[in-house]
Amino acid sequence: MSTFLTPPFFGGRFAHRAIPVIGLGLVLLVVAPFLSWCYDPDVLGDLTYYGNPAPMQYGMLAFGLFGLAVLALDVVPALRRFEPYITGGKALRALGVGTMVFMAAVLVIITVTAGGLVNAEPGAWIAFAGGALVALGSALAPSQADKELIHVRLPGWLEVTILVALVAGTMFLVAYALGIADASRFVMLVIHVGVAMSVLAAAGLFTWLGLLATKHNRVLMLAAFASAFAFPLTQGGSDANMSIATNVLIFAATAVGLNIVVGLAGLLDLGYIAFLGAGAYVGAVLSGSAFATIGWTPPFLVTALIGAIFASVLGLIIGSPTLRVSGDYLAIVTLAFGEIFRLTMFNLDGVTGPNLTRGPNGIPGIPELNLFGFDFGQTHELFGIEITRFSNYYVLLLVLMAFIILVFLRLNASRIGRGWIAIREDEKAAEAMGVNVFGLKLLAFAGGAFLAGLAGTIKAHHDVSVTPDQYQFLESAFLLAAVVLGGMGTVGGVIIGAVVLKLLPEKLRFFSEYRLLIFGLLLVLMMRFRPEGLVPSGRRKLEFHEEDEELAERVQEVHIEEAR
């Protein structure tokens, strides 16, 4: 006997016993935001009102309405024709578990902040019960293979509009997150976004958006840069947020350079931060600082080129004798190189070696950049909005990021990029097919070091000082984590990974003692549930979804359309 009911209203994916349970839970999720969640008005943005939801409660209302819409696809005959395009069972299961986790976090914060669980009002318990009912009902429903949105095709202009709106919404969310001063509210926002992403991913939406992004990658990149350039205009002259943004861009630019070595060529480099430090020290020594040990101060563009070439030469020096080894041995050698660089900068102090870096004191007092008469240290005005020092460096770093991305994409699409990928997938087979393995490995090291050196010369002026302690192994580990977390071989994924790993510690300073533990757990979870990264490349998407023939065929179709 079939577990599905045959009447039209229950002819879909859910068993008859599951629909009332899920429906009741979703109704509770819709009602709960209009009730009070906490007795104390100082907790999470004042959740004490009846009939007037706080911003966080509106998110819960959106979860409930989305769940009702998904359920309606199964029980309303007129909507059932859209059912094959939404993985509703998985989406509702993720929604139920996610809302339970969200409300559990709310109850914990109420307990800690308000002085006890007794301060939780009925609305919080009703929302938790709603999530539990949705999770229970989804567990009662029988498992069934669901189709995804991969076959949905829209007009080109509509697909572009969706991508542009997605980029604008993401930038608005980042700006809103930076403006949150309360740590508990920021934590809840992160959990909220995580739940929303898990629900949309379970519904198949992210797979579809990934295909759209691949098809319209130029439009997506243009929209992303337009939103990024407009970001300083949303901060009202705030130096605090723009300082975080510039540090994120320096980290992201360096991570994209590392992506050439790790993501394309498949070489595990644990000392990459040394190349960023090499560029920074060149920028500091030639900056004209009162503490600089070289009296020559060339124009900054010349300094940037010298710093990039110096870092590239270091890449050749470390690569030539070591790139004949691979795997763990290469990782050990590069780790040693990073530590050798740091200790060398310590010893070039005029006592144990030539006085070039002033040892552990570093080179402070680095003057502000002045490029073509534009002083990056001064506050300027644009459309009546003050553009502060950090905003000036932010725009310059965006230009650098555009250059690095252009270099990465052109290399990836070239014969050199295909050679790197062949080495990454199977070095012996690539060598047997005539690929110059050693030469391409050396080029990857030198090219990645060149880009990191460029970023380092700007970082020196941005930070005003350079010291050896800024370039420890831990920074190399974070760069590698950004590449793996975001998606090896991609640009967007690495940038997202860099933003996550750099932004969260800034906003969660009370977790500073545990951030390594948190990052470790995050990477373990990523390797378990999404080994291809947050934004996988097309090749890795096929590799990790080779059992999904429909998805593989659709990805190949998109690549063919893009090539045409």
Protein backbone atom coordinates (compact mmCIF):
# COMPACT_ATOMS: atom_id res chain seq x y z
CA MET A 1 0.00 0.00 0.00
CA SER A 2 1.42 3.40 -0.98
CA THR A 3 2.34 5.84 1.76
CA PHE A 4 0.94 8.71 -0.33
CA LEU A 5 -2.76 9.51 -0.38
CA THR A 6 -4.32 9.42 -3.81
CA PRO A 7 -6.84 12.32 -3.54
CA PRO A 8 -5.66 15.47 -5.36
CA PHE A 9 -5.14 17.55 -2.24
CA PHE A 10 -2.71 15.00 -0.81
CA GLY A 11 -1.20 13.54 -3.94
CA GLY A 12 2.21 15.11 -3.39
CA ARG A 13 5.28 14.32 -1.43
CA PHE A 14 3.98 14.44 2.16
CA ALA A 15 2.01 11.73 3.92
CA HIS A 16 -1.42 12.68 5.25
CA ARG A 17 -0.21 12.46 8.85
CA ALA A 18 2.63 14.90 8.14
CA ILE A 19 0.66 17.73 6.52
CA PRO A 20 -1.39 18.79 9.61
CA VAL A 21 1.71 18.67 11.82
CA ILE A 22 3.79 20.75 9.39
CA GLY A 23 0.90 23.15 8.75
CA LEU A 24 0.34 23.75 12.47
CA GLY A 25 4.04 24.36 13.01
CA LEU A 26 4.21 26.87 10.17
CA VAL A 27 1.16 28.72 11.46
CA LEU A 28 2.84 29.00 14.86
CA LEU A 29 5.94 30.43 13.17
CA VAL A 30 3.78 33.08 11.50
CA VAL A 31 1.90 33.96 14.71
CA ALA A 32 4.92 33.99 17.08
CA PRO A 33 6.53 37.21 15.72
CA PHE A 34 3.43 39.18 16.70
CA LEU A 35 3.80 38.08 20.34
CA SER A 36 6.28 39.15 23.01
CA TRP A 37 9.46 37.05 23.24
CA CYS A 38 11.16 38.60 26.25
CA TYR A 39 10.21 40.57 29.34
CA ASP A 40 13.40 42.69 29.27
CA PRO A 41 13.36 45.45 26.58
CA ASP A 42 17.18 45.60 26.48
CA VAL A 43 17.56 42.11 25.02
CA LEU A 44 18.02 41.68 21.23
CA GLY A 45 16.49 44.99 20.20
CA ASP A 46 13.35 45.02 22.38
CA LEU A 47 11.20 41.92 21.80
CA THR A 48 8.56 42.93 24.36
CA TYR A 49 5.84 44.26 22.06
CA TYR A 50 2.63 42.51 21.00
CA GLY A 51 1.53 43.12 17.40
CA ASN A 52 4.68 45.06 16.48
CA PRO A 53 7.51 42.67 15.51
CA ALA A 54 11.15 43.68 15.89
CA PRO A 55 13.46 43.29 12.84
CA MET A 56 14.64 39.87 14.06
CA GLN A 57 11.03 38.71 14.45
CA TYR A 58 10.26 39.72 10.87
CA GLY A 59 12.86 37.17 9.81
CA MET A 60 10.95 34.45 11.66
CA LEU A 61 7.75 35.63 9.95
CA ALA A 62 9.49 35.27 6.57
CA PHE A 63 10.50 31.70 7.48
CA GLY A 64 6.89 30.83 8.31
CA LEU A 65 5.48 32.35 5.12
CA PHE A 66 8.11 30.63 2.97
CA GLY A 67 7.26 27.29 4.57
CA LEU A 68 3.53 27.80 3.96
CA ALA A 69 4.26 28.59 0.30
CA VAL A 70 6.30 25.39 -0.08
CA LEU A 71 3.58 23.34 1.63
CA ALA A 72 0.95 24.91 -0.63
CA LEU A 73 2.76 23.47 -3.66
CA ASP A 74 1.87 20.02 -2.34
CA VAL A 75 -1.69 20.47 -1.13
CA VAL A 76 -3.17 23.02 -3.58
CA PRO A 77 -3.94 21.38 -6.95
CA ALA A 78 -3.55 24.61 -8.92
CA LEU A 79 0.03 25.04 -7.66
CA ARG A 80 1.11 21.44 -7.99
CA ARG A 81 2.56 21.98 -11.46
CA PHE A 82 5.39 23.98 -9.83
CA GLU A 83 6.14 21.21 -7.33
CA PRO A 84 8.85 19.40 -9.38
CA TYR A 85 11.07 22.49 -9.24
CA ILE A 86 11.26 22.84 -5.45
CA THR A 87 12.81 20.27 -3.12
CA GLY A 88 10.12 20.96 -0.53
CA GLY A 89 10.73 18.00 1.77
CA LYS A 90 14.37 18.91 2.31
CA ALA A 91 13.57 22.62 2.55
CA LEU A 92 10.94 22.16 5.27
CA ARG A 93 13.18 19.79 7.18
CA ALA A 94 15.97 22.39 7.11
CA LEU A 95 13.47 25.08 8.06
CA GLY A 96 12.24 23.16 11.10
CA VAL A 97 15.69 22.29 12.42
CA GLY A 98 17.01 25.77 11.65
CA THR A 99 14.23 27.60 13.49
CA MET A 100 14.73 25.33 16.50
CA VAL A 101 18.44 26.19 16.55
CA PHE A 102 17.61 29.88 16.10
CA MET A 103 15.10 29.96 18.94
CA ALA A 104 17.40 27.91 21.19
CA ALA A 105 20.04 30.62 20.69
CA VAL A 106 17.43 33.30 21.50
CA LEU A 107 16.49 31.51 24.73
CA VAL A 108 20.15 31.15 25.72
CA ILE A 109 20.77 34.88 25.16
CA ILE A 110 17.64 35.76 27.14
CA THR A 111 18.81 33.50 29.98
CA VAL A 112 22.32 34.98 30.07
CA THR A 113 21.43 38.64 29.45
CA ALA A 114 18.13 39.01 31.30
CA GLY A 115 19.11 36.88 34.29
CA GLY A 116 17.11 33.71 33.77
CA LEU A 117 14.88 31.72 31.46
CA VAL A 118 11.87 33.02 33.37
CA ASN A 119 12.19 36.25 31.35
CA ALA A 120 11.24 34.42 28.14
CA GLU A 121 7.70 35.33 27.07
CA PRO A 122 5.15 33.01 25.36
CA GLY A 123 6.09 34.13 21.83
CA ALA A 124 9.58 32.61 22.12
CA TRP A 125 8.23 29.24 23.27
CA ILE A 126 5.56 29.24 20.55
CA ALA A 127 8.21 29.87 17.87
CA PHE A 128 10.36 27.05 19.25
CA ALA A 129 7.34 24.71 19.29
CA GLY A 130 6.53 25.70 15.70
CA GLY A 131 10.00 24.78 14.53
CA ALA A 132 9.83 21.47 16.41
CA LEU A 133 6.49 20.60 14.76
CA VAL A 134 7.84 21.41 11.28
CA ALA A 135 10.91 19.26 11.91
CA LEU A 136 8.75 16.41 13.28
CA GLY A 137 6.30 16.57 10.38
CA SER A 138 9.12 16.57 7.84
CA ALA A 139 10.57 13.48 9.52
CA LEU A 140 7.19 11.73 9.26
CA ALA A 141 6.99 12.44 5.52
CA PRO A 142 8.48 9.69 3.35
CA SER A 143 11.77 10.33 1.61
CA GLN A 144 11.49 10.94 -2.09
CA ALA A 145 13.98 12.04 -4.70
CA ASP A 146 13.27 15.66 -5.50
CA LYS A 147 14.06 17.56 -8.65
CA GLU A 148 15.76 20.90 -8.41
CA LEU A 149 15.56 24.25 -10.13
CA ILE A 150 18.34 23.35 -12.55
CA HIS A 151 15.90 23.03 -15.48
CA VAL A 152 14.14 26.37 -14.89
CA ARG A 153 14.99 28.82 -17.65
CA LEU A 154 13.96 32.47 -17.51
CA PRO A 155 14.36 35.35 -19.96
CA GLY A 156 17.91 36.70 -19.98
CA TRP A 157 16.94 40.13 -18.65
CA LEU A 158 15.11 38.55 -15.72
CA GLU A 159 18.09 36.35 -14.84
CA VAL A 160 20.36 39.41 -14.88
CA THR A 161 17.88 41.35 -12.71
CA ILE A 162 17.84 38.52 -10.16
CA LEU A 163 21.64 38.48 -9.96
CA VAL A 164 21.88 42.27 -9.61
CA ALA A 165 19.23 42.25 -6.88
CA LEU A 166 21.11 39.45 -5.11
CA VAL A 167 24.36 41.45 -5.15
CA ALA A 168 22.61 44.61 -3.92
CA GLY A 169 20.89 42.66 -1.15
CA THR A 170 24.17 41.09 -0.07
CA MET A 171 25.87 44.49 0.10
CA PHE A 172 22.96 45.90 2.11
CA LEU A 173 23.20 42.95 4.51
CA VAL A 174 26.96 43.51 4.97
CA ALA A 175 26.43 47.23 5.62
CA TYR A 176 23.67 46.42 8.11
CA ALA A 177 25.84 43.84 9.89
CA LEU A 178 28.73 46.28 10.23
CA GLY A 179 26.37 48.78 11.82
CA ILE A 180 25.34 46.39 14.61
CA ALA A 181 27.20 47.26 17.81
CA ASP A 182 25.52 44.69 20.08
CA ALA A 183 27.41 41.39 19.91
CA SER A 184 24.34 39.27 20.75
CA ARG A 185 22.32 40.85 17.94
CA PHE A 186 25.19 40.23 15.51
CA VAL A 187 25.35 36.57 16.58
CA MET A 188 21.62 36.21 15.95
CA LEU A 189 21.98 37.84 12.54
CA VAL A 190 24.69 35.34 11.61
CA ILE A 191 22.52 32.43 12.77
CA HIS A 192 19.54 33.90 10.93
CA VAL A 193 21.48 34.16 7.68
CA GLY A 194 22.85 30.65 8.18
CA VAL A 195 19.37 29.20 8.61
CA ALA A 196 18.10 31.07 5.54
CA MET A 197 21.01 29.82 3.44
CA SER A 198 20.52 26.23 4.57
CA VAL A 199 16.80 26.38 3.72
CA LEU A 200 17.42 27.89 0.28
CA ALA A 201 20.20 25.41 -0.41
CA ALA A 202 17.92 22.53 0.57
CA ALA A 203 15.27 23.92 -1.79
CA GLY A 204 17.77 23.78 -4.67
CA LEU A 205 17.93 27.55 -5.10
CA PHE A 206 21.70 27.88 -4.67
CA THR A 207 22.39 25.31 -7.37
CA TRP A 208 20.23 27.30 -9.75
CA LEU A 209 21.83 30.62 -8.76
CA GLY A 210 25.26 29.07 -9.29
CA LEU A 211 24.28 28.17 -12.83
CA LEU A 212 22.98 31.69 -13.41
CA ALA A 213 26.22 33.15 -12.05
CA THR A 214 28.24 30.95 -14.39
CA LYS A 215 26.10 31.97 -17.36
CA HIS A 216 26.19 35.72 -16.58
CA ASN A 217 29.55 35.92 -14.81
CA ARG A 218 30.55 39.24 -16.39
CA VAL A 219 27.31 40.92 -15.35
CA LEU A 220 27.65 39.50 -11.85
CA MET A 221 31.22 40.77 -11.55
CA LEU A 222 30.25 44.24 -12.79
CA ALA A 223 27.33 44.44 -10.35
CA ALA A 224 29.54 43.29 -7.48
CA PHE A 225 32.16 45.96 -8.16
CA ALA A 226 29.52 48.68 -8.62
CA SER A 227 28.02 47.78 -5.23
CA ALA A 228 31.46 47.61 -3.64
CA PHE A 229 32.44 51.06 -4.94
CA ALA A 230 29.17 52.47 -3.56
CA PHE A 231 29.76 50.90 -0.15
CA PRO A 232 31.68 53.89 1.39
CA LEU A 233 28.70 56.12 0.55
CA THR A 234 26.55 54.05 2.92
CA GLN A 235 28.83 54.45 5.95
CA GLY A 236 28.39 58.18 6.61
CA GLY A 237 32.11 58.74 7.15
CA SER A 238 32.47 55.89 9.68
CA ASP A 239 36.18 55.08 10.06
CA ALA A 240 35.51 51.97 12.15
CA ASN A 241 33.57 50.09 9.48
CA MET A 242 35.78 51.25 6.61
CA SER A 243 38.87 50.11 8.52
CA ILE A 244 37.36 46.63 8.74
CA ALA A 245 36.45 46.77 5.03
CA THR A 246 39.99 47.71 3.96
CA ASN A 247 41.50 44.91 6.05
CA VAL A 248 39.03 42.49 4.45
CA LEU A 249 40.09 43.66 0.97
CA ILE A 250 43.81 43.25 1.74
CA PHE A 251 43.11 39.75 3.05
CA ALA A 252 40.90 38.90 0.05
CA ALA A 253 43.40 40.19 -2.51
CA THR A 254 46.14 38.06 -0.93
CA ALA A 255 43.83 35.03 -0.78
CA VAL A 256 43.02 35.30 -4.50
CA GLY A 257 46.76 35.27 -5.21
CA LEU A 258 47.12 32.16 -3.04
CA ASN A 259 44.25 30.64 -4.99
CA ILE A 260 46.54 30.44 -8.02
CA VAL A 261 48.97 28.27 -6.07
CA VAL A 262 46.46 26.16 -4.14
CA GLY A 263 43.24 26.32 -6.16
CA LEU A 264 44.61 26.05 -9.69
CA ALA A 265 47.99 24.32 -9.37
CA GLY A 266 47.11 22.25 -6.29
CA LEU A 267 50.29 23.16 -4.37
CA LEU A 268 49.92 23.35 -0.60
CA ASP A 269 51.69 26.57 0.49
CA LEU A 270 51.79 27.23 4.24
CA GLY A 271 54.17 30.19 4.09
CA TYR A 272 52.35 32.45 1.66
CA ILE A 273 52.09 35.32 4.15
CA ALA A 274 55.83 35.86 3.66
CA PHE A 275 55.20 37.21 0.15
CA LEU A 276 52.74 39.76 1.51
CA GLY A 277 55.35 40.72 4.11
CA ALA A 278 58.05 41.05 1.46
CA GLY A 279 55.94 43.58 -0.46
CA ALA A 280 55.08 45.43 2.76
CA TYR A 281 58.74 45.74 3.79
CA VAL A 282 59.73 47.04 0.36
CA GLY A 283 56.90 49.58 0.57
CA ALA A 284 58.04 50.64 4.05
CA VAL A 285 61.76 50.87 3.26
CA LEU A 286 61.11 53.00 0.14
CA SER A 287 58.31 55.07 1.70
CA GLY A 288 60.38 58.03 2.87
CA SER A 289 59.59 57.32 6.52
CA ALA A 290 61.90 58.93 9.07
CA PHE A 291 62.70 55.37 10.23
CA ALA A 292 63.34 53.97 6.74
CA THR A 293 66.85 52.60 6.26
CA ILE A 294 67.11 53.52 2.57
CA GLY A 295 67.08 57.16 1.56
CA TRP A 296 65.63 56.65 -1.94
CA THR A 297 61.89 57.36 -2.27
CA PRO A 298 60.62 56.55 -5.78
CA PRO A 299 57.04 57.16 -6.95
CA PHE A 300 54.61 54.68 -5.42
CA LEU A 301 53.90 52.88 -8.70
CA VAL A 302 57.62 52.15 -9.00
CA THR A 303 57.70 51.03 -5.35
CA ALA A 304 54.71 48.72 -5.94
CA LEU A 305 56.42 47.18 -8.96
CA ILE A 306 59.67 46.67 -7.04
CA GLY A 307 57.79 45.09 -4.12
CA ALA A 308 55.91 42.72 -6.44
CA ILE A 309 59.09 41.72 -8.30
CA PHE A 310 60.97 41.20 -5.02
CA ALA A 311 58.20 38.92 -3.72
CA SER A 312 58.18 37.09 -7.07
CA VAL A 313 61.94 36.54 -6.86
CA LEU A 314 61.48 35.09 -3.38
CA GLY A 315 58.86 32.76 -4.89
CA LEU A 316 61.39 31.60 -7.47
CA ILE A 317 64.07 31.15 -4.82
CA ILE A 318 61.88 28.99 -2.62
CA GLY A 319 60.28 27.20 -5.55
CA SER A 320 63.34 26.18 -7.57
CA PRO A 321 64.84 23.71 -5.08
CA THR A 322 61.61 22.53 -3.46
CA LEU A 323 58.96 22.09 -6.15
CA ARG A 324 60.24 18.66 -7.07
CA VAL A 325 58.61 17.48 -3.85
CA SER A 326 54.86 17.56 -3.29
CA GLY A 327 52.14 16.98 -0.74
CA ASP A 328 53.13 17.04 2.92
CA TYR A 329 56.81 17.58 2.14
CA LEU A 330 56.07 20.73 0.13
CA ALA A 331 53.82 21.97 2.95
CA ILE A 332 56.66 21.52 5.47
CA VAL A 333 59.16 23.35 3.25
CA THR A 334 56.83 26.32 2.65
CA LEU A 335 56.00 26.48 6.35
CA ALA A 336 59.73 26.66 7.10
CA PHE A 337 60.16 29.39 4.48
CA GLY A 338 57.48 31.53 6.13
CA GLU A 339 59.21 31.24 9.49
CA ILE A 340 62.64 31.90 7.94
CA PHE A 341 61.31 35.13 6.42
CA ARG A 342 59.89 36.32 9.74
CA LEU A 343 63.08 35.51 11.67
CA THR A 344 65.20 37.15 8.97
CA MET A 345 63.20 40.36 9.34
CA PHE A 346 63.88 40.13 13.09
CA ASN A 347 67.64 39.82 12.56
CA LEU A 348 68.18 42.58 9.99
CA ASP A 349 68.52 45.09 12.82
CA GLY A 350 72.10 46.30 12.52
CA VAL A 351 73.31 44.00 15.32
CA THR A 352 72.94 40.44 14.04
CA GLY A 353 72.83 41.56 10.41
CA PRO A 354 72.58 44.63 8.14
CA ASN A 355 70.22 47.32 9.37
CA LEU A 356 67.45 47.05 6.79
CA THR A 357 64.26 46.32 8.76
CA ARG A 358 65.16 47.65 12.26
CA GLY A 359 64.49 44.17 13.66
CA PRO A 360 61.55 43.67 16.02
CA ASN A 361 60.91 47.45 16.17
CA GLY A 362 59.88 47.44 12.54
CA ILE A 363 59.47 50.58 10.45
CA PRO A 364 56.84 52.96 11.89
CA GLY A 365 55.79 56.42 10.71
CA ILE A 366 55.10 55.39 7.11
CA PRO A 367 53.62 58.45 5.37
CA GLU A 368 50.26 58.45 3.62
CA LEU A 369 50.13 57.63 -0.06
CA ASN A 370 50.07 60.51 -2.50
CA LEU A 371 49.18 59.24 -5.96
CA PHE A 372 48.98 61.76 -8.82
CA GLY A 373 48.45 64.55 -6.31
CA PHE A 374 45.67 62.74 -4.45
CA ASP A 375 46.44 62.52 -0.73
CA PHE A 376 44.99 59.30 0.69
CA GLY A 377 45.34 60.59 4.25
CA GLN A 378 42.99 63.53 3.78
CA THR A 379 39.19 63.53 4.05
CA HIS A 380 37.43 64.30 0.78
CA GLU A 381 33.79 64.96 -0.05
CA LEU A 382 31.67 63.23 -2.68
CA PHE A 383 27.96 64.01 -3.19
CA GLY A 384 27.96 65.74 0.19
CA ILE A 385 29.32 62.59 1.93
CA GLU A 386 32.68 62.59 3.64
CA ILE A 387 35.18 60.10 2.21
CA THR A 388 37.69 59.45 4.98
CA ARG A 389 41.23 58.04 4.94
CA PHE A 390 40.12 54.42 5.10
CA SER A 391 37.59 54.99 2.32
CA ASN A 392 40.38 56.31 0.10
CA TYR A 393 42.47 53.19 0.67
CA TYR A 394 39.34 51.05 0.22
CA VAL A 395 38.82 52.41 -3.31
CA LEU A 396 42.50 51.88 -4.17
CA LEU A 397 42.31 48.30 -2.90
CA LEU A 398 39.19 47.70 -5.00
CA VAL A 399 41.18 48.77 -8.08
CA LEU A 400 43.94 46.37 -7.05
CA MET A 401 41.36 43.63 -6.48
CA ALA A 402 39.95 44.20 -9.98
CA PHE A 403 43.46 43.83 -11.43
CA ILE A 404 44.16 40.64 -9.46
CA ILE A 405 40.82 39.13 -10.46
CA LEU A 406 41.47 39.99 -14.11
CA VAL A 407 44.88 38.29 -13.96
CA PHE A 408 43.40 35.24 -12.23
CA LEU A 409 40.54 34.85 -14.71
CA ARG A 410 42.76 35.28 -17.78
CA LEU A 411 45.28 32.78 -16.44
CA ASN A 412 42.52 30.32 -15.55
CA ALA A 413 41.11 30.48 -19.09
CA SER A 414 44.51 30.15 -20.78
CA ARG A 415 46.66 27.16 -21.69
CA ILE A 416 48.70 27.89 -18.57
CA GLY A 417 45.57 27.59 -16.41
CA ARG A 418 44.60 24.31 -18.04
CA GLY A 419 48.13 23.06 -17.42
CA TRP A 420 47.87 23.98 -13.74
CA ILE A 421 44.55 22.17 -13.44
CA ALA A 422 46.01 19.10 -15.15
CA ILE A 423 48.86 19.10 -12.61
CA ARG A 424 46.38 19.49 -9.76
CA GLU A 425 44.24 16.58 -10.90
CA ASP A 426 47.04 14.14 -11.78
CA GLU A 427 50.65 15.31 -11.95
CA LYS A 428 52.00 12.07 -13.46
CA ALA A 429 49.38 12.01 -16.21
CA ALA A 430 50.02 15.68 -16.99
CA GLU A 431 53.75 15.06 -17.28
CA ALA A 432 53.11 12.06 -19.52
CA MET A 433 51.00 14.27 -21.81
CA GLY A 434 53.88 16.73 -22.25
CA VAL A 435 52.97 19.37 -19.68
CA ASN A 436 56.00 21.21 -18.31
CA VAL A 437 55.19 20.37 -14.72
CA PHE A 438 58.18 21.99 -13.04
CA GLY A 439 58.00 25.18 -15.11
CA LEU A 440 54.27 25.66 -14.49
CA LYS A 441 54.67 25.01 -10.76
CA LEU A 442 57.41 27.63 -10.63
CA LEU A 443 55.22 30.07 -12.56
CA ALA A 444 52.37 29.50 -10.09
CA PHE A 445 54.63 30.29 -7.15
CA ALA A 446 56.11 33.36 -8.80
CA GLY A 447 52.75 34.65 -10.07
CA GLY A 448 51.00 34.22 -6.74
CA ALA A 449 53.93 35.90 -4.94
CA PHE A 450 53.83 38.83 -7.39
CA LEU A 451 50.17 39.56 -6.61
CA ALA A 452 50.76 39.24 -2.85
CA GLY A 453 53.70 41.65 -3.10
CA LEU A 454 51.49 44.25 -4.79
CA ALA A 455 48.96 44.01 -1.97
CA GLY A 456 51.77 44.26 0.59
CA THR A 457 53.05 47.61 -0.69
CA ILE A 458 49.60 49.15 -0.15
CA LYS A 459 49.21 47.43 3.21
CA ALA A 460 52.37 49.13 4.50
CA HIS A 461 50.91 52.60 3.93
CA HIS A 462 47.49 51.56 5.17
CA ASP A 463 48.89 50.19 8.46
CA VAL A 464 51.39 53.09 8.87
CA SER A 465 53.96 50.62 10.27
CA VAL A 466 55.47 47.23 9.45
CA THR A 467 56.75 44.71 12.02
CA PRO A 468 57.75 41.01 11.70
CA ASP A 469 54.99 39.87 14.06
CA GLN A 470 52.36 40.82 11.48
CA TYR A 471 53.44 37.92 9.25
CA GLN A 472 53.18 34.81 11.38
CA PHE A 473 52.20 31.30 10.31
CA LEU A 474 48.70 31.84 11.70
CA GLU A 475 48.00 34.38 8.94
CA SER A 476 49.04 31.85 6.28
CA ALA A 477 46.66 29.34 7.86
CA PHE A 478 43.78 31.84 7.67
CA LEU A 479 44.56 32.57 4.02
CA LEU A 480 44.51 28.86 3.20
CA ALA A 481 41.28 28.47 5.17
CA ALA A 482 39.68 31.26 3.10
CA VAL A 483 40.57 29.44 -0.13
CA VAL A 484 39.28 26.07 1.07
CA LEU A 485 36.18 27.50 2.73
CA GLY A 486 35.16 29.64 -0.24
CA GLY A 487 35.94 27.16 -3.00
CA MET A 488 39.31 26.37 -4.57
CA GLY A 489 39.74 27.67 -8.11
CA THR A 490 37.00 30.31 -7.87
CA VAL A 491 37.09 34.09 -7.37
CA GLY A 492 33.73 34.72 -5.72
CA GLY A 493 34.11 31.83 -3.30
CA VAL A 494 37.54 32.93 -2.09
CA ILE A 495 36.30 36.49 -1.58
CA ILE A 496 33.34 35.20 0.44
CA GLY A 497 35.66 32.99 2.47
CA ALA A 498 37.97 35.95 3.14
CA VAL A 499 35.05 38.12 4.24
CA VAL A 500 33.78 35.42 6.61
CA LEU A 501 37.18 34.73 8.19
CA LYS A 502 38.12 38.40 8.54
CA LEU A 503 34.76 39.96 9.42
CA LEU A 504 33.57 37.54 12.10
CA PRO A 505 36.60 37.96 14.42
CA GLU A 506 36.22 41.75 14.19
CA LYS A 507 32.56 41.63 15.24
CA LEU A 508 32.95 38.80 17.75
CA ARG A 509 35.92 40.01 19.76
CA PHE A 510 34.58 38.36 22.92
CA PHE A 511 35.21 35.05 21.12
CA SER A 512 38.84 35.97 20.36
CA GLU A 513 40.22 33.24 22.64
CA TYR A 514 38.16 30.59 20.89
CA ARG A 515 38.33 31.74 17.27
CA LEU A 516 40.81 29.02 16.29
CA LEU A 517 38.44 26.43 17.73
CA ILE A 518 35.53 27.99 15.86
CA PHE A 519 37.44 28.12 12.57
CA GLY A 520 38.54 24.52 13.02
CA LEU A 521 34.99 23.34 13.63
CA LEU A 522 33.81 25.40 10.67
CA LEU A 523 36.34 23.77 8.33
CA VAL A 524 35.53 20.28 9.64
CA LEU A 525 31.82 20.89 8.99
CA MET A 526 32.60 22.24 5.53
CA MET A 527 34.69 19.20 4.64
CA ARG A 528 31.89 16.96 5.85
CA PHE A 529 28.84 18.62 4.30
CA ARG A 530 30.22 20.75 1.44
CA PRO A 531 33.75 19.65 0.51
CA GLU A 532 33.67 21.63 -2.75
CA GLY A 533 33.41 24.95 -0.84
CA LEU A 534 30.74 27.62 -0.55
CA VAL A 535 31.04 28.56 -4.24
CA PRO A 536 32.51 25.55 -6.08
CA SER A 537 34.03 25.86 -9.53
CA GLY A 538 32.32 24.14 -12.44
CA ARG A 539 34.90 21.37 -12.56
CA ARG A 540 34.70 20.67 -8.82
CA LYS A 541 30.91 20.86 -8.98
CA LEU A 542 30.94 18.04 -11.51
CA GLU A 543 33.47 16.13 -9.41
CA PHE A 544 31.39 16.23 -6.23
CA HIS A 545 28.03 15.74 -7.98
CA GLU A 546 29.01 13.14 -10.54
CA GLU A 547 26.23 10.87 -9.26
CA ASP A 548 23.69 13.58 -10.17
CA GLU A 549 23.44 13.13 -13.94
CA GLU A 550 20.89 15.90 -14.41
CA LEU A 551 23.03 18.45 -12.59
CA ALA A 552 26.14 17.38 -14.48
CA GLU A 553 24.37 17.74 -17.82
CA ARG A 554 23.00 21.17 -16.89
CA VAL A 555 26.42 22.43 -15.76
CA GLN A 556 27.92 21.28 -19.05
CA GLU A 557 25.13 23.04 -20.98
CA VAL A 558 25.84 26.30 -19.14
CA HIS A 559 29.57 26.06 -19.91
CA ILE A 560 28.78 25.49 -23.59
CA GLU A 561 26.43 28.49 -23.63
CA GLU A 562 29.09 30.62 -21.93
CA ALA A 563 31.73 29.56 -24.46
CA ARG A 564 29.45 30.53 -27.34
